[in-house]
Amino acid sequence: MCHCAVVNDACVKDAVDCGAKSLGQVCRTTGAGQDCGSCVFALKRLICEHEQATHTTLLEVEGAAS
């Protein structure tokens, strides 16, 4: 994910799970995207995918319970 700060996908997902909701918050929390910036598009994609997967999972659980 971010080679400069040695931040992998799991670190980014953990940051989102702990409340980081924007690219800036993830970058400040993990240190990713602070040097060369070449990873920011991949970071944003991963954040969106993770939030979408989490939201979809929550909706499926709510739908199954009703």
N, C-alpha and C. Protein backbone atom coordinates (compact mmCIF):
# COMPACT_ATOMS: atom_id res chain seq x y z
N MET A 1 0.84 -1.18 0.00
CA MET A 1 0.00 0.00 0.00
C MET A 1 0.89 1.24 0.00
N CYS A 2 1.43 1.64 1.13
CA CYS A 2 2.34 2.79 1.19
C CYS A 2 3.74 2.27 1.48
N HIS A 3 4.59 2.31 0.47
CA HIS A 3 5.94 1.78 0.62
C HIS A 3 6.81 2.72 1.46
N CYS A 4 6.58 4.01 1.37
CA CYS A 4 7.40 4.97 2.12
C CYS A 4 7.26 4.80 3.63
N ALA A 5 6.03 4.62 4.10
CA ALA A 5 5.77 4.50 5.53
C ALA A 5 5.56 3.05 5.97
N VAL A 6 5.70 2.12 5.03
CA VAL A 6 5.51 0.69 5.29
C VAL A 6 4.14 0.45 5.95
N VAL A 7 3.10 0.91 5.26
CA VAL A 7 1.73 0.75 5.73
C VAL A 7 1.03 -0.21 4.76
N ASN A 8 0.46 -1.28 5.30
CA ASN A 8 -0.22 -2.26 4.45
C ASN A 8 -1.74 -2.10 4.53
N ASP A 9 -2.45 -2.93 3.77
CA ASP A 9 -3.91 -2.87 3.72
C ASP A 9 -4.53 -3.05 5.10
N ALA A 10 -3.99 -3.96 5.90
CA ALA A 10 -4.54 -4.22 7.22
C ALA A 10 -4.46 -2.99 8.12
N CYS A 11 -3.37 -2.24 8.02
CA CYS A 11 -3.24 -1.00 8.81
C CYS A 11 -4.30 0.02 8.42
N VAL A 12 -4.55 0.13 7.13
CA VAL A 12 -5.56 1.07 6.64
C VAL A 12 -6.95 0.64 7.11
N LYS A 13 -7.26 -0.64 6.99
CA LYS A 13 -8.56 -1.15 7.44
C LYS A 13 -8.74 -0.96 8.94
N ASP A 14 -7.69 -1.18 9.71
CA ASP A 14 -7.75 -0.96 11.16
C ASP A 14 -8.03 0.50 11.48
N ALA A 15 -7.40 1.41 10.75
CA ALA A 15 -7.63 2.84 10.97
C ALA A 15 -9.09 3.20 10.70
N VAL A 16 -9.65 2.66 9.62
CA VAL A 16 -11.06 2.91 9.29
C VAL A 16 -11.95 2.32 10.37
N ASP A 17 -11.66 1.11 10.80
CA ASP A 17 -12.46 0.46 11.85
C ASP A 17 -12.40 1.23 13.17
N CYS A 18 -11.31 1.94 13.39
CA CYS A 18 -11.14 2.72 14.63
C CYS A 18 -11.68 4.13 14.51
N GLY A 19 -12.31 4.46 13.37
CA GLY A 19 -12.99 5.74 13.27
C GLY A 19 -12.49 6.70 12.21
N ALA A 20 -11.39 6.40 11.53
CA ALA A 20 -10.92 7.29 10.47
C ALA A 20 -11.91 7.22 9.31
N LYS A 21 -12.46 8.35 8.92
CA LYS A 21 -13.50 8.37 7.89
C LYS A 21 -13.08 9.05 6.60
N SER A 22 -11.90 9.65 6.58
CA SER A 22 -11.46 10.33 5.37
C SER A 22 -10.03 9.92 5.05
N LEU A 23 -9.62 10.24 3.84
CA LEU A 23 -8.26 9.96 3.42
C LEU A 23 -7.27 10.66 4.35
N GLY A 24 -7.54 11.90 4.68
CA GLY A 24 -6.66 12.66 5.56
C GLY A 24 -6.52 12.02 6.93
N GLN A 25 -7.64 11.56 7.48
CA GLN A 25 -7.60 10.91 8.79
C GLN A 25 -6.81 9.62 8.74
N VAL A 26 -6.99 8.83 7.68
CA VAL A 26 -6.23 7.59 7.54
C VAL A 26 -4.75 7.89 7.41
N CYS A 27 -4.41 8.90 6.62
CA CYS A 27 -3.00 9.26 6.44
C CYS A 27 -2.37 9.74 7.75
N ARG A 28 -3.08 10.55 8.50
CA ARG A 28 -2.55 11.02 9.79
C ARG A 28 -2.41 9.88 10.79
N THR A 29 -3.37 8.96 10.77
CA THR A 29 -3.34 7.85 11.72
C THR A 29 -2.24 6.85 11.40
N THR A 30 -2.06 6.54 10.12
CA THR A 30 -1.12 5.48 9.74
C THR A 30 0.25 5.99 9.30
N GLY A 31 0.31 7.24 8.90
CA GLY A 31 1.55 7.79 8.34
C GLY A 31 1.65 7.59 6.84
N ALA A 32 0.67 6.93 6.26
CA ALA A 32 0.67 6.68 4.81
C ALA A 32 0.43 7.97 4.04
N GLY A 33 0.94 8.03 2.82
CA GLY A 33 0.67 9.15 1.93
C GLY A 33 1.34 10.45 2.32
N GLN A 34 2.27 10.44 3.24
CA GLN A 34 2.86 11.67 3.74
C GLN A 34 4.17 12.04 3.04
N ASP A 35 4.77 11.08 2.34
CA ASP A 35 6.06 11.37 1.70
C ASP A 35 5.87 11.67 0.22
N CYS A 36 5.86 10.67 -0.63
CA CYS A 36 5.79 10.92 -2.08
C CYS A 36 4.36 11.08 -2.58
N GLY A 37 3.39 10.50 -1.87
CA GLY A 37 1.99 10.66 -2.25
C GLY A 37 1.51 9.74 -3.36
N SER A 38 2.35 8.86 -3.86
CA SER A 38 1.94 8.02 -4.97
C SER A 38 0.89 6.99 -4.58
N CYS A 39 0.68 6.78 -3.29
CA CYS A 39 -0.27 5.76 -2.83
C CYS A 39 -1.67 6.32 -2.55
N VAL A 40 -1.86 7.63 -2.62
CA VAL A 40 -3.12 8.20 -2.15
C VAL A 40 -4.35 7.70 -2.92
N PHE A 41 -4.22 7.44 -4.21
CA PHE A 41 -5.38 6.93 -4.95
C PHE A 41 -5.71 5.51 -4.53
N ALA A 42 -4.69 4.70 -4.30
CA ALA A 42 -4.91 3.33 -3.82
C ALA A 42 -5.47 3.36 -2.39
N LEU A 43 -5.01 4.28 -1.57
CA LEU A 43 -5.54 4.41 -0.21
C LEU A 43 -7.02 4.76 -0.24
N LYS A 44 -7.37 5.75 -1.07
CA LYS A 44 -8.77 6.17 -1.17
C LYS A 44 -9.65 5.02 -1.64
N ARG A 45 -9.18 4.27 -2.64
CA ARG A 45 -9.95 3.12 -3.14
C ARG A 45 -10.16 2.10 -2.02
N LEU A 46 -9.12 1.80 -1.28
CA LEU A 46 -9.22 0.82 -0.21
C LEU A 46 -10.17 1.29 0.89
N ILE A 47 -10.11 2.56 1.23
CA ILE A 47 -11.01 3.12 2.25
C ILE A 47 -12.46 2.98 1.79
N CYS A 48 -12.73 3.36 0.55
CA CYS A 48 -14.10 3.26 0.02
C CYS A 48 -14.58 1.82 -0.04
N GLU A 49 -13.73 0.92 -0.50
CA GLU A 49 -14.11 -0.49 -0.57
C GLU A 49 -14.39 -1.06 0.81
N HIS A 50 -13.56 -0.70 1.78
CA HIS A 50 -13.73 -1.23 3.13
C HIS A 50 -15.01 -0.69 3.76
N GLU A 51 -15.26 0.60 3.60
CA GLU A 51 -16.49 1.18 4.14
C GLU A 51 -17.72 0.58 3.47
N GLN A 52 -17.65 0.38 2.16
CA GLN A 52 -18.77 -0.20 1.43
C GLN A 52 -19.01 -1.64 1.88
N ALA A 53 -17.97 -2.41 2.03
CA ALA A 53 -18.10 -3.81 2.47
C ALA A 53 -18.67 -3.86 3.88
N THR A 54 -18.24 -2.98 4.74
CA THR A 54 -18.75 -2.94 6.12
C THR A 54 -20.21 -2.55 6.13
N HIS A 55 -20.57 -1.55 5.33
CA HIS A 55 -21.96 -1.08 5.27
C HIS A 55 -22.86 -2.17 4.69
N THR A 56 -22.41 -2.83 3.64
CA THR A 56 -23.20 -3.90 3.02
C THR A 56 -23.41 -5.03 4.01
N THR A 57 -22.36 -5.39 4.73
CA THR A 57 -22.47 -6.46 5.72
C THR A 57 -23.48 -6.09 6.79
N LEU A 58 -23.45 -4.84 7.26
CA LEU A 58 -24.39 -4.42 8.29
C LEU A 58 -25.82 -4.45 7.77
N LEU A 59 -26.03 -4.02 6.52
CA LEU A 59 -27.37 -4.05 5.96
C LEU A 59 -27.87 -5.49 5.81
N GLU A 60 -26.99 -6.40 5.40
CA GLU A 60 -27.40 -7.78 5.24
C GLU A 60 -27.79 -8.38 6.59
N VAL A 61 -27.05 -8.06 7.63
CA VAL A 61 -27.36 -8.58 8.96
C VAL A 61 -28.69 -8.00 9.43
N GLU A 62 -28.91 -6.69 9.23
CA GLU A 62 -30.17 -6.09 9.62
C GLU A 62 -31.34 -6.71 8.87
N GLY A 63 -31.18 -6.93 7.56
CA GLY A 63 -32.22 -7.51 6.75
C GLY A 63 -32.53 -8.94 7.17
N ALA A 64 -31.50 -9.70 7.56
CA ALA A 64 -31.70 -11.09 7.96
C ALA A 64 -32.42 -11.19 9.29
N ALA A 65 -32.25 -10.18 10.13
CA ALA A 65 -32.85 -10.23 11.46
C ALA A 65 -34.33 -9.85 11.44
N SER A 66 -34.78 -9.21 10.37
CA SER A 66 -36.17 -8.76 10.38
C SER A 66 -37.13 -9.75 9.77
